[in-house]
Amino acid sequence: RIDAVSTVQVTFTLPPLYPGRYTLDVSLSAEDGNFMDQIESAA
């Protein structure tokens, strides 16, 4: 569950990626799969 206003944290180990620039896409959907928000190249 997430509250109406909240901060979600995710931690992972960065794989041995080739040097260069990478972008992050983020998405959020409900349990039934209905998209609530989606951003390409968020950061």
Full PDB file with SEQRES, HELIX, SHEET, SSBOND, CRYST1, ORIGX, SCALE, CONECT and MASTER records, all heavy atoms in Angstrom:
SEQRES   1 A   43  ARG ILE ASP ALA VAL SER THR VAL GLN VAL THR PHE THR          
SEQRES   2 A   43  LEU PRO PRO LEU TYR PRO GLY ARG TYR THR LEU ASP VAL          
SEQRES   3 A   43  SER LEU SER ALA GLU ASP GLY ASN PHE MET ASP GLN ILE          
SEQRES   4 A   43  GLU SER ALA ALA                                              
SHEET    1 AA1 2 VAL A  26  SER A  29  0                                        
SHEET    2 AA1 2 PHE A  35  ILE A  39 -1                                        
CRYST1    1.000    1.000    1.000  90.00  90.00  90.00 P 1           1          
ORIGX1      1.000000  0.000000  0.000000        0.00000                         
ORIGX2      0.000000  1.000000  0.000000        0.00000                         
ORIGX3      0.000000  0.000000  1.000000        0.00000                         
SCALE1      1.000000  0.000000  0.000000        0.00000                         
SCALE2      0.000000  1.000000  0.000000        0.00000                         
SCALE3      0.000000  0.000000  1.000000        0.00000                         
ATOM      1  N   ARG A   1       0.853  -1.195   0.000  1.00  0.00           N  
ATOM      2  CA  ARG A   1       0.000   0.000   0.000  1.00  0.00           C  
ATOM      3  C   ARG A   1       0.882   1.236   0.000  1.00  0.00           C  
ATOM      4  O   ARG A   1       1.979   1.248   0.568  1.00  0.00           O  
ATOM      5  CB  ARG A   1      -0.904  -0.010   1.227  1.00  0.00           C  
ATOM      6  CG  ARG A   1      -1.590   1.308   1.551  1.00  0.00           C  
ATOM      7  CD  ARG A   1      -2.193   1.251   2.940  1.00  0.00           C  
ATOM      8  NE  ARG A   1      -2.487   2.600   3.447  1.00  0.00           N  
ATOM      9  CZ  ARG A   1      -3.700   3.088   3.612  1.00  0.00           C  
ATOM     10  NH1 ARG A   1      -4.744   2.336   3.309  1.00  0.00           N  
ATOM     11  NH2 ARG A   1      -3.885   4.299   4.082  1.00  0.00           N  
ATOM     12  N   ILE A   2       0.410   2.287  -0.685  1.00  0.00           N  
ATOM     13  CA  ILE A   2       1.048   3.597  -0.565  1.00  0.00           C  
ATOM     14  C   ILE A   2      -0.020   4.614  -0.184  1.00  0.00           C  
ATOM     15  O   ILE A   2      -1.168   4.530  -0.628  1.00  0.00           O  
ATOM     16  CB  ILE A   2       1.757   4.026  -1.868  1.00  0.00           C  
ATOM     17  CG1 ILE A   2       0.817   3.931  -3.073  1.00  0.00           C  
ATOM     18  CG2 ILE A   2       3.019   3.227  -2.104  1.00  0.00           C  
ATOM     19  CD1 ILE A   2       1.441   4.419  -4.359  1.00  0.00           C  
ATOM     20  N   ASP A   3       0.363   5.566   0.660  1.00  0.00           N  
ATOM     21  CA  ASP A   3      -0.568   6.604   1.077  1.00  0.00           C  
ATOM     22  C   ASP A   3      -0.769   7.620  -0.042  1.00  0.00           C  
ATOM     23  O   ASP A   3      -0.054   7.622  -1.046  1.00  0.00           O  
ATOM     24  CB  ASP A   3      -0.056   7.298   2.337  1.00  0.00           C  
ATOM     25  CG  ASP A   3      -0.016   6.354   3.533  1.00  0.00           C  
ATOM     26  OD1 ASP A   3      -0.904   5.490   3.608  1.00  0.00           O  
ATOM     27  OD2 ASP A   3       0.909   6.473   4.355  1.00  0.00           O  
ATOM     28  N   ALA A   4      -1.742   8.502   0.163  1.00  0.00           N  
ATOM     29  CA  ALA A   4      -2.059   9.502  -0.861  1.00  0.00           C  
ATOM     30  C   ALA A   4      -0.836  10.365  -1.186  1.00  0.00           C  
ATOM     31  O   ALA A   4      -0.564  10.667  -2.344  1.00  0.00           O  
ATOM     32  CB  ALA A   4      -3.222  10.373  -0.398  1.00  0.00           C  
ATOM     33  N   VAL A   5      -0.099  10.762  -0.147  1.00  0.00           N  
ATOM     34  CA  VAL A   5       1.151  11.506  -0.334  1.00  0.00           C  
ATOM     35  C   VAL A   5       2.255  10.706   0.342  1.00  0.00           C  
ATOM     36  O   VAL A   5       2.200  10.476   1.556  1.00  0.00           O  
ATOM     37  CB  VAL A   5       1.073  12.923   0.270  1.00  0.00           C  
ATOM     38  CG1 VAL A   5       2.404  13.643   0.092  1.00  0.00           C  
ATOM     39  CG2 VAL A   5      -0.066  13.723  -0.363  1.00  0.00           C  
ATOM     40  N   SER A   6       3.209  10.258  -0.429  1.00  0.00           N  
ATOM     41  CA  SER A   6       4.227   9.378   0.135  1.00  0.00           C  
ATOM     42  C   SER A   6       5.494   9.409  -0.707  1.00  0.00           C  
ATOM     43  O   SER A   6       5.499   9.930  -1.832  1.00  0.00           O  
ATOM     44  CB  SER A   6       3.693   7.947   0.242  1.00  0.00           C  
ATOM     45  OG  SER A   6       3.257   7.503  -1.030  1.00  0.00           O  
ATOM     46  N   THR A   7       6.563   8.845  -0.163  1.00  0.00           N  
ATOM     47  CA  THR A   7       7.820   8.663  -0.882  1.00  0.00           C  
ATOM     48  C   THR A   7       8.121   7.168  -0.937  1.00  0.00           C  
ATOM     49  O   THR A   7       8.109   6.489   0.095  1.00  0.00           O  
ATOM     50  CB  THR A   7       8.977   9.397  -0.193  1.00  0.00           C  
ATOM     51  OG1 THR A   7       8.704  10.805  -0.177  1.00  0.00           O  
ATOM     52  CG2 THR A   7      10.285   9.157  -0.931  1.00  0.00           C  
ATOM     53  N   VAL A   8       8.355   6.668  -2.115  1.00  0.00           N  
ATOM     54  CA  VAL A   8       8.682   5.261  -2.309  1.00  0.00           C  
ATOM     55  C   VAL A   8      10.167   5.166  -2.626  1.00  0.00           C  
ATOM     56  O   VAL A   8      10.680   5.893  -3.490  1.00  0.00           O  
ATOM     57  CB  VAL A   8       7.854   4.645  -3.456  1.00  0.00           C  
ATOM     58  CG1 VAL A   8       8.301   3.218  -3.722  1.00  0.00           C  
ATOM     59  CG2 VAL A   8       6.377   4.701  -3.132  1.00  0.00           C  
ATOM     60  N   GLN A   9      10.867   4.276  -1.928  1.00  0.00           N  
ATOM     61  CA  GLN A   9      12.292   4.079  -2.154  1.00  0.00           C  
ATOM     62  C   GLN A   9      12.549   2.678  -2.698  1.00  0.00           C  
ATOM     63  O   GLN A   9      11.935   1.709  -2.250  1.00  0.00           O  
ATOM     64  CB  GLN A   9      13.076   4.255  -0.846  1.00  0.00           C  
ATOM     65  CG  GLN A   9      13.033   5.664  -0.285  1.00  0.00           C  
ATOM     66  CD  GLN A   9      13.833   5.780   1.002  1.00  0.00           C  
ATOM     67  OE1 GLN A   9      14.198   4.771   1.603  1.00  0.00           O  
ATOM     68  NE2 GLN A   9      14.107   7.004   1.414  1.00  0.00           N  
ATOM     69  N   VAL A  10      13.439   2.580  -3.656  1.00  0.00           N  
ATOM     70  CA  VAL A  10      13.875   1.284  -4.165  1.00  0.00           C  
ATOM     71  C   VAL A  10      15.399   1.298  -4.218  1.00  0.00           C  
ATOM     72  O   VAL A  10      16.007   2.282  -4.654  1.00  0.00           O  
ATOM     73  CB  VAL A  10      13.269   0.980  -5.548  1.00  0.00           C  
ATOM     74  CG1 VAL A  10      13.615   2.059  -6.559  1.00  0.00           C  
ATOM     75  CG2 VAL A  10      13.730  -0.378  -6.049  1.00  0.00           C  
ATOM     76  N   THR A  11      16.017   0.224  -3.761  1.00  0.00           N  
ATOM     77  CA  THR A  11      17.467   0.108  -3.729  1.00  0.00           C  
ATOM     78  C   THR A  11      17.892  -1.124  -4.526  1.00  0.00           C  
ATOM     79  O   THR A  11      17.273  -2.190  -4.419  1.00  0.00           O  
ATOM     80  CB  THR A  11      17.976  -0.005  -2.285  1.00  0.00           C  
ATOM     81  OG1 THR A  11      17.565   1.164  -1.559  1.00  0.00           O  
ATOM     82  CG2 THR A  11      19.492  -0.104  -2.241  1.00  0.00           C  
ATOM     83  N   PHE A  12      18.921  -0.961  -5.332  1.00  0.00           N  
ATOM     84  CA  PHE A  12      19.442  -2.081  -6.116  1.00  0.00           C  
ATOM     85  C   PHE A  12      20.925  -1.849  -6.377  1.00  0.00           C  
ATOM     86  O   PHE A  12      21.449  -0.745  -6.179  1.00  0.00           O  
ATOM     87  CB  PHE A  12      18.681  -2.230  -7.443  1.00  0.00           C  
ATOM     88  CG  PHE A  12      18.700  -1.000  -8.321  1.00  0.00           C  
ATOM     89  CD1 PHE A  12      19.712  -0.788  -9.248  1.00  0.00           C  
ATOM     90  CD2 PHE A  12      17.697  -0.046  -8.208  1.00  0.00           C  
ATOM     91  CE1 PHE A  12      19.727   0.335 -10.043  1.00  0.00           C  
ATOM     92  CE2 PHE A  12      17.698   1.093  -9.009  1.00  0.00           C  
ATOM     93  CZ  PHE A  12      18.715   1.283  -9.929  1.00  0.00           C  
ATOM     94  N   THR A  13      21.595  -2.909  -6.803  1.00  0.00           N  
ATOM     95  CA  THR A  13      23.011  -2.826  -7.161  1.00  0.00           C  
ATOM     96  C   THR A  13      23.133  -2.580  -8.659  1.00  0.00           C  
ATOM     97  O   THR A  13      22.525  -3.285  -9.467  1.00  0.00           O  
ATOM     98  CB  THR A  13      23.741  -4.127  -6.791  1.00  0.00           C  
ATOM     99  OG1 THR A  13      23.626  -4.337  -5.380  1.00  0.00           O  
ATOM    100  CG2 THR A  13      25.218  -4.040  -7.159  1.00  0.00           C  
ATOM    101  N   LEU A  14      23.899  -1.568  -9.018  1.00  0.00           N  
ATOM    102  CA  LEU A  14      24.049  -1.232 -10.439  1.00  0.00           C  
ATOM    103  C   LEU A  14      24.845  -2.328 -11.139  1.00  0.00           C  
ATOM    104  O   LEU A  14      25.954  -2.661 -10.730  1.00  0.00           O  
ATOM    105  CB  LEU A  14      24.768   0.113 -10.583  1.00  0.00           C  
ATOM    106  CG  LEU A  14      24.745   0.716 -11.987  1.00  0.00           C  
ATOM    107  CD1 LEU A  14      23.334   1.153 -12.358  1.00  0.00           C  
ATOM    108  CD2 LEU A  14      25.692   1.910 -12.072  1.00  0.00           C  
ATOM    109  N   PRO A  15      24.276  -2.914 -12.197  1.00  0.00           N  
ATOM    110  CA  PRO A  15      25.006  -3.965 -12.925  1.00  0.00           C  
ATOM    111  C   PRO A  15      26.283  -3.407 -13.563  1.00  0.00           C  
ATOM    112  O   PRO A  15      26.473  -2.188 -13.639  1.00  0.00           O  
ATOM    113  CB  PRO A  15      24.003  -4.407 -13.999  1.00  0.00           C  
ATOM    114  CG  PRO A  15      22.683  -3.922 -13.530  1.00  0.00           C  
ATOM    115  CD  PRO A  15      22.941  -2.679 -12.750  1.00  0.00           C  
ATOM    116  N   PRO A  16      27.150  -4.283 -14.047  1.00  0.00           N  
ATOM    117  CA  PRO A  16      28.394  -3.824 -14.698  1.00  0.00           C  
ATOM    118  C   PRO A  16      28.117  -3.247 -16.080  1.00  0.00           C  
ATOM    119  O   PRO A  16      28.384  -3.872 -17.110  1.00  0.00           O  
ATOM    120  CB  PRO A  16      29.247  -5.100 -14.774  1.00  0.00           C  
ATOM    121  CG  PRO A  16      28.256  -6.214 -14.799  1.00  0.00           C  
ATOM    122  CD  PRO A  16      27.120  -5.756 -13.930  1.00  0.00           C  
ATOM    123  N   LEU A  17      27.542  -2.039 -16.098  1.00  0.00           N  
ATOM    124  CA  LEU A  17      27.118  -1.425 -17.350  1.00  0.00           C  
ATOM    125  C   LEU A  17      28.293  -0.795 -18.085  1.00  0.00           C  
ATOM    126  O   LEU A  17      29.252  -0.313 -17.475  1.00  0.00           O  
ATOM    127  CB  LEU A  17      26.057  -0.353 -17.081  1.00  0.00           C  
ATOM    128  CG  LEU A  17      24.742  -0.827 -16.471  1.00  0.00           C  
ATOM    129  CD1 LEU A  17      23.817   0.355 -16.250  1.00  0.00           C  
ATOM    130  CD2 LEU A  17      24.075  -1.854 -17.374  1.00  0.00           C  
ATOM    131  N   TYR A  18      28.158  -0.789 -19.387  1.00  0.00           N  
ATOM    132  CA  TYR A  18      29.102  -0.080 -20.259  1.00  0.00           C  
ATOM    133  C   TYR A  18      29.084   1.410 -19.897  1.00  0.00           C  
ATOM    134  O   TYR A  18      28.023   1.978 -19.670  1.00  0.00           O  
ATOM    135  CB  TYR A  18      28.657  -0.305 -21.700  1.00  0.00           C  
ATOM    136  CG  TYR A  18      29.508   0.333 -22.751  1.00  0.00           C  
ATOM    137  CD1 TYR A  18      30.559  -0.362 -23.332  1.00  0.00           C  
ATOM    138  CD2 TYR A  18      29.243   1.620 -23.183  1.00  0.00           C  
ATOM    139  CE1 TYR A  18      31.326   0.224 -24.323  1.00  0.00           C  
ATOM    140  CE2 TYR A  18      30.006   2.218 -24.160  1.00  0.00           C  
ATOM    141  CZ  TYR A  18      31.056   1.502 -24.727  1.00  0.00           C  
ATOM    142  OH  TYR A  18      31.815   2.086 -25.704  1.00  0.00           O  
ATOM    143  N   PRO A  19      30.237   2.090 -19.820  1.00  0.00           N  
ATOM    144  CA  PRO A  19      30.251   3.522 -19.467  1.00  0.00           C  
ATOM    145  C   PRO A  19      29.418   4.353 -20.442  1.00  0.00           C  
ATOM    146  O   PRO A  19      29.399   4.095 -21.643  1.00  0.00           O  
ATOM    147  CB  PRO A  19      31.731   3.888 -19.557  1.00  0.00           C  
ATOM    148  CG  PRO A  19      32.452   2.602 -19.341  1.00  0.00           C  
ATOM    149  CD  PRO A  19      31.594   1.547 -19.982  1.00  0.00           C  
ATOM    150  N   GLY A  20      28.712   5.333 -19.916  1.00  0.00           N  
ATOM    151  CA  GLY A  20      27.890   6.200 -20.748  1.00  0.00           C  
ATOM    152  C   GLY A  20      26.723   6.754 -19.958  1.00  0.00           C  
ATOM    153  O   GLY A  20      26.660   6.625 -18.733  1.00  0.00           O  
ATOM    154  N   ARG A  21      25.790   7.379 -20.666  1.00  0.00           N  
ATOM    155  CA  ARG A  21      24.636   7.996 -20.028  1.00  0.00           C  
ATOM    156  C   ARG A  21      23.416   7.086 -20.150  1.00  0.00           C  
ATOM    157  O   ARG A  21      23.179   6.473 -21.187  1.00  0.00           O  
ATOM    158  CB  ARG A  21      24.339   9.359 -20.656  1.00  0.00           C  
ATOM    159  CG  ARG A  21      23.106  10.040 -20.091  1.00  0.00           C  
ATOM    160  CD  ARG A  21      23.189  11.537 -20.135  1.00  0.00           C  
ATOM    161  NE  ARG A  21      24.154  12.033 -19.162  1.00  0.00           N  
ATOM    162  CZ  ARG A  21      24.229  13.318 -18.785  1.00  0.00           C  
ATOM    163  NH1 ARG A  21      23.417  14.210 -19.296  1.00  0.00           N  
ATOM    164  NH2 ARG A  21      25.137  13.704 -17.915  1.00  0.00           N  
ATOM    165  N   TYR A  22      22.637   7.024 -19.069  1.00  0.00           N  
ATOM    166  CA  TYR A  22      21.451   6.171 -19.001  1.00  0.00           C  
ATOM    167  C   TYR A  22      20.264   6.998 -18.502  1.00  0.00           C  
ATOM    168  O   TYR A  22      20.443   7.973 -17.757  1.00  0.00           O  
ATOM    169  CB  TYR A  22      21.688   4.979 -18.064  1.00  0.00           C  
ATOM    170  CG  TYR A  22      22.732   4.027 -18.588  1.00  0.00           C  
ATOM    171  CD1 TYR A  22      24.090   4.296 -18.422  1.00  0.00           C  
ATOM    172  CD2 TYR A  22      22.373   2.885 -19.284  1.00  0.00           C  
ATOM    173  CE1 TYR A  22      25.057   3.446 -18.932  1.00  0.00           C  
ATOM    174  CE2 TYR A  22      23.328   2.017 -19.801  1.00  0.00           C  
ATOM    175  CZ  TYR A  22      24.671   2.304 -19.618  1.00  0.00           C  
ATOM    176  OH  TYR A  22      25.624   1.467 -20.138  1.00  0.00           O  
ATOM    177  N   THR A  23      19.079   6.622 -18.935  1.00  0.00           N  
ATOM    178  CA  THR A  23      17.867   7.324 -18.521  1.00  0.00           C  
ATOM    179  C   THR A  23      16.933   6.376 -17.781  1.00  0.00           C  
ATOM    180  O   THR A  23      17.018   5.153 -17.934  1.00  0.00           O  
ATOM    181  CB  THR A  23      17.124   7.917 -19.731  1.00  0.00           C  
ATOM    182  OG1 THR A  23      16.778   6.858 -20.637  1.00  0.00           O  
ATOM    183  CG2 THR A  23      17.984   8.944 -20.452  1.00  0.00           C  
ATOM    184  N   LEU A  24      16.034   6.973 -17.006  1.00  0.00           N  
ATOM    185  CA  LEU A  24      15.070   6.215 -16.213  1.00  0.00           C  
ATOM    186  C   LEU A  24      13.651   6.516 -16.688  1.00  0.00           C  
ATOM    187  O   LEU A  24      13.260   7.687 -16.776  1.00  0.00           O  
ATOM    188  CB  LEU A  24      15.188   6.592 -14.735  1.00  0.00           C  
ATOM    189  CG  LEU A  24      16.515   6.280 -14.033  1.00  0.00           C  
ATOM    190  CD1 LEU A  24      16.546   6.933 -12.663  1.00  0.00           C  
ATOM    191  CD2 LEU A  24      16.704   4.787 -13.897  1.00  0.00           C  
ATOM    192  N   ASP A  25      12.890   5.467 -17.001  1.00  0.00           N  
ATOM    193  CA  ASP A  25      11.450   5.586 -17.243  1.00  0.00           C  
ATOM    194  C   ASP A  25      10.729   5.111 -15.986  1.00  0.00           C  
ATOM    195  O   ASP A  25      11.141   4.121 -15.368  1.00  0.00           O  
ATOM    196  CB  ASP A  25      11.003   4.706 -18.410  1.00  0.00           C  
ATOM    197  CG  ASP A  25      11.634   5.107 -19.730  1.00  0.00           C  
ATOM    198  OD1 ASP A  25      12.165   6.227 -19.816  1.00  0.00           O  
ATOM    199  OD2 ASP A  25      11.604   4.285 -20.670  1.00  0.00           O  
ATOM    200  N   VAL A  26       9.676   5.806 -15.586  1.00  0.00           N  
ATOM    201  CA  VAL A  26       8.917   5.403 -14.401  1.00  0.00           C  
ATOM    202  C   VAL A  26       7.446   5.233 -14.767  1.00  0.00           C  
ATOM    203  O   VAL A  26       6.921   5.941 -15.630  1.00  0.00           O  
ATOM    204  CB  VAL A  26       9.064   6.421 -13.245  1.00  0.00           C  
ATOM    205  CG1 VAL A  26      10.499   6.508 -12.774  1.00  0.00           C  
ATOM    206  CG2 VAL A  26       8.569   7.806 -13.660  1.00  0.00           C  
ATOM    207  N   SER A  27       6.791   4.289 -14.116  1.00  0.00           N  
ATOM    208  CA  SER A  27       5.365   4.067 -14.375  1.00  0.00           C  
ATOM    209  C   SER A  27       4.686   3.585 -13.107  1.00  0.00           C  
ATOM    210  O   SER A  27       5.307   2.967 -12.242  1.00  0.00           O  
ATOM    211  CB  SER A  27       5.170   3.038 -15.495  1.00  0.00           C  
ATOM    212  OG  SER A  27       5.640   1.768 -15.088  1.00  0.00           O  
ATOM    213  N   LEU A  28       3.403   3.899 -13.014  1.00  0.00           N  
ATOM    214  CA  LEU A  28       2.584   3.479 -11.877  1.00  0.00           C  
ATOM    215  C   LEU A  28       1.236   3.015 -12.404  1.00  0.00           C  
ATOM    216  O   LEU A  28       0.603   3.693 -13.213  1.00  0.00           O  
ATOM    217  CB  LEU A  28       2.377   4.634 -10.894  1.00  0.00           C  
ATOM    218  CG  LEU A  28       1.343   4.398  -9.778  1.00  0.00           C  
ATOM    219  CD1 LEU A  28       1.830   3.330  -8.803  1.00  0.00           C  
ATOM    220  CD2 LEU A  28       1.036   5.697  -9.039  1.00  0.00           C  
ATOM    221  N   SER A  29       0.802   1.859 -11.953  1.00  0.00           N  
ATOM    222  CA  SER A  29      -0.519   1.370 -12.317  1.00  0.00           C  
ATOM    223  C   SER A  29      -1.165   0.707 -11.116  1.00  0.00           C  
ATOM    224  O   SER A  29      -0.484   0.329 -10.150  1.00  0.00           O  
ATOM    225  CB  SER A  29      -0.437   0.382 -13.486  1.00  0.00           C  
ATOM    226  OG  SER A  29       0.323  -0.750 -13.126  1.00  0.00           O  
ATOM    227  N   ALA A  30      -2.479   0.593 -11.164  1.00  0.00           N  
ATOM    228  CA  ALA A  30      -3.214  -0.070 -10.098  1.00  0.00           C  
ATOM    229  C   ALA A  30      -3.061  -1.580 -10.248  1.00  0.00           C  
ATOM    230  O   ALA A  30      -2.502  -2.079 -11.221  1.00  0.00           O  
ATOM    231  CB  ALA A  30      -4.686   0.330 -10.150  1.00  0.00           C  
ATOM    232  N   GLU A  31      -3.566  -2.304  -9.284  1.00  0.00           N  
ATOM    233  CA  GLU A  31      -3.433  -3.756  -9.286  1.00  0.00           C  
ATOM    234  C   GLU A  31      -4.091  -4.387 -10.505  1.00  0.00           C  
ATOM    235  O   GLU A  31      -3.642  -5.422 -11.015  1.00  0.00           O  
ATOM    236  CB  GLU A  31      -4.045  -4.338  -8.002  1.00  0.00           C  
ATOM    237  CG  GLU A  31      -3.800  -5.824  -7.814  1.00  0.00           C  
ATOM    238  CD  GLU A  31      -4.342  -6.337  -6.492  1.00  0.00           C  
ATOM    239  OE1 GLU A  31      -5.134  -5.599  -5.844  1.00  0.00           O  
ATOM    240  OE2 GLU A  31      -3.984  -7.446  -6.097  1.00  0.00           O  
ATOM    241  N   ASP A  32      -5.144  -3.742 -11.021  1.00  0.00           N  
ATOM    242  CA  ASP A  32      -5.836  -4.284 -12.193  1.00  0.00           C  
ATOM    243  C   ASP A  32      -5.127  -3.954 -13.508  1.00  0.00           C  
ATOM    244  O   ASP A  32      -5.605  -4.295 -14.592  1.00  0.00           O  
ATOM    245  CB  ASP A  32      -7.274  -3.770 -12.247  1.00  0.00           C  
ATOM    246  CG  ASP A  32      -7.349  -2.241 -12.343  1.00  0.00           C  
ATOM    247  OD1 ASP A  32      -6.283  -1.590 -12.463  1.00  0.00           O  
ATOM    248  OD2 ASP A  32      -8.467  -1.706 -12.282  1.00  0.00           O  
ATOM    249  N   GLY A  33      -3.979  -3.265 -13.430  1.00  0.00           N  
ATOM    250  CA  GLY A  33      -3.201  -2.949 -14.619  1.00  0.00           C  
ATOM    251  C   GLY A  33      -3.509  -1.608 -15.236  1.00  0.00           C  
ATOM    252  O   GLY A  33      -2.874  -1.212 -16.212  1.00  0.00           O  
ATOM    253  N   ASN A  34      -4.483  -0.864 -14.690  1.00  0.00           N  
ATOM    254  CA  ASN A  34      -4.850   0.440 -15.228  1.00  0.00           C  
ATOM    255  C   ASN A  34      -3.759   1.470 -14.913  1.00  0.00           C  
ATOM    256  O   ASN A  34      -3.449   1.717 -13.758  1.00  0.00           O  
ATOM    257  CB  ASN A  34      -6.184   0.892 -14.631  1.00  0.00           C  
ATOM    258  CG  ASN A  34      -6.645   2.210 -15.207  1.00  0.00           C  
ATOM    259  OD1 ASN A  34      -6.460   2.484 -16.393  1.00  0.00           O  
ATOM    260  ND2 ASN A  34      -7.231   3.042 -14.364  1.00  0.00           N  
ATOM    261  N   PHE A  35      -3.154   2.086 -15.969  1.00  0.00           N  
ATOM    262  CA  PHE A  35      -2.069   3.040 -15.758  1.00  0.00           C  
ATOM    263  C   PHE A  35      -2.579   4.313 -15.095  1.00  0.00           C  
ATOM    264  O   PHE A  35      -3.594   4.876 -15.481  1.00  0.00           O  
ATOM    265  CB  PHE A  35      -1.393   3.397 -17.085  1.00  0.00           C  
ATOM    266  CG  PHE A  35      -0.260   2.477 -17.440  1.00  0.00           C  
ATOM    267  CD1 PHE A  35      -0.411   1.518 -18.419  1.00  0.00           C  
ATOM    268  CD2 PHE A  35       0.954   2.558 -16.779  1.00  0.00           C  
ATOM    269  CE1 PHE A  35       0.615   0.658 -18.752  1.00  0.00           C  
ATOM    270  CE2 PHE A  35       1.999   1.711 -17.096  1.00  0.00           C  
ATOM    271  CZ  PHE A  35       1.824   0.757 -18.084  1.00  0.00           C  
ATOM    272  N   MET A  36      -1.825   4.782 -14.092  1.00  0.00           N  
ATOM    273  CA  MET A  36      -2.154   6.018 -13.396  1.00  0.00           C  
ATOM    274  C   MET A  36      -1.175   7.132 -13.757  1.00  0.00           C  
ATOM    275  O   MET A  36      -1.532   8.304 -13.731  1.00  0.00           O  
ATOM    276  CB  MET A  36      -2.158   5.781 -11.889  1.00  0.00           C  
ATOM    277  CG  MET A  36      -3.113   4.672 -11.460  1.00  0.00           C  
ATOM    278  SD  MET A  36      -3.149   4.420  -9.678  1.00  0.00           S  
ATOM    279  CE  MET A  36      -3.983   5.913  -9.143  1.00  0.00           C  
ATOM    280  N   ASP A  37       0.068   6.773 -14.075  1.00  0.00           N  
ATOM    281  CA  ASP A  37       1.058   7.767 -14.484  1.00  0.00           C  
ATOM    282  C   ASP A  37       2.230   7.052 -15.133  1.00  0.00           C  
ATOM    283  O   ASP A  37       2.549   5.910 -14.774  1.00  0.00           O  
ATOM    284  CB  ASP A  37       1.538   8.590 -13.291  1.00  0.00           C  
ATOM    285  CG  ASP A  37       2.182   9.906 -13.727  1.00  0.00           C  
ATOM    286  OD1 ASP A  37       2.149  10.202 -14.938  1.00  0.00           O  
ATOM    287  OD2 ASP A  37       2.707  10.621 -12.865  1.00  0.00           O  
ATOM    288  N   GLN A  38       2.843   7.724 -16.096  1.00  0.00           N  
ATOM    289  CA  GLN A  38       3.968   7.129 -16.811  1.00  0.00           C  
ATOM    290  C   GLN A  38       4.808   8.248 -17.407  1.00  0.00           C  
ATOM    291  O   GLN A  38       4.271   9.172 -18.027  1.00  0.00           O  
ATOM    292  CB  GLN A  38       3.456   6.199 -17.914  1.00  0.00           C  
ATOM    293  CG  GLN A  38       4.539   5.463 -18.667  1.00  0.00           C  
ATOM    294  CD  GLN A  38       3.954   4.521 -19.701  1.00  0.00           C  
ATOM    295  OE1 GLN A  38       2.757   4.544 -19.982  1.00  0.00           O  
ATOM    296  NE2 GLN A  38       4.788   3.688 -20.292  1.00  0.00           N  
ATOM    297  N   ILE A  39       6.118   8.194 -17.201  1.00  0.00           N  
ATOM    298  CA  ILE A  39       7.007   9.239 -17.713  1.00  0.00           C  
ATOM    299  C   ILE A  39       8.223   8.587 -18.366  1.00  0.00           C  
ATOM    300  O   ILE A  39       8.911   7.771 -17.751  1.00  0.00           O  
ATOM    301  CB  ILE A  39       7.502  10.194 -16.602  1.00  0.00           C  
ATOM    302  CG1 ILE A  39       6.333  10.735 -15.791  1.00  0.00           C  
ATOM    303  CG2 ILE A  39       8.302  11.349 -17.202  1.00  0.00           C  
ATOM    304  CD1 ILE A  39       6.758  11.582 -14.609  1.00  0.00           C  
ATOM    305  N   GLU A  40       8.481   8.959 -19.609  1.00  0.00           N  
ATOM    306  CA  GLU A  40       9.692   8.517 -20.281  1.00  0.00           C  
ATOM    307  C   GLU A  40      10.832   9.472 -19.941  1.00  0.00           C  
ATOM    308  O   GLU A  40      10.646  10.684 -19.868  1.00  0.00           O  
ATOM    309  CB  GLU A  40       9.489   8.497 -21.801  1.00  0.00           C  
ATOM    310  CG  GLU A  40       8.433   7.523 -22.287  1.00  0.00           C  
ATOM    311  CD  GLU A  40       8.243   7.621 -23.783  1.00  0.00           C  
ATOM    312  OE1 GLU A  40       8.891   8.494 -24.406  1.00  0.00           O  
ATOM    313  OE2 GLU A  40       7.448   6.845 -24.341  1.00  0.00           O  
ATOM    314  N   SER A  41      12.025   8.933 -19.766  1.00  0.00           N  
ATOM    315  CA  SER A  41      13.224   9.728 -19.498  1.00  0.00           C  
ATOM    316  C   SER A  41      12.989  10.708 -18.352  1.00  0.00           C  
ATOM    317  O   SER A  41      13.215  11.909 -18.474  1.00  0.00           O  
ATOM    318  CB  SER A  41      13.664  10.489 -20.756  1.00  0.00           C  
ATOM    319  OG  SER A  41      13.920   9.596 -21.806  1.00  0.00           O  
ATOM    320  N   ALA A  42      12.515  10.189 -17.227  1.00  0.00           N  
ATOM    321  CA  ALA A  42      12.235  11.037 -16.070  1.00  0.00           C  
ATOM    322  C   ALA A  42      13.513  11.634 -15.499  1.00  0.00           C  
ATOM    323  O   ALA A  42      13.502  12.732 -14.940  1.00  0.00           O  
ATOM    324  CB  ALA A  42      11.504  10.228 -14.995  1.00  0.00           C  
ATOM    325  N   ALA A  43      14.634  10.935 -15.603  1.00  0.00           N  
ATOM    326  CA  ALA A  43      15.905  11.419 -15.080  1.00  0.00           C  
ATOM    327  C   ALA A  43      17.030  10.698 -15.797  1.00  0.00           C  
ATOM    328  O   ALA A  43      16.794   9.760 -16.560  1.00  0.00           O  
ATOM    329  CB  ALA A  43      15.991  11.202 -13.566  1.00  0.00           C  
TER     330      ALA A  43                                                      
MASTER        0    0    0    0    2    0    0    6  329    1    0    4          
END                                                                             
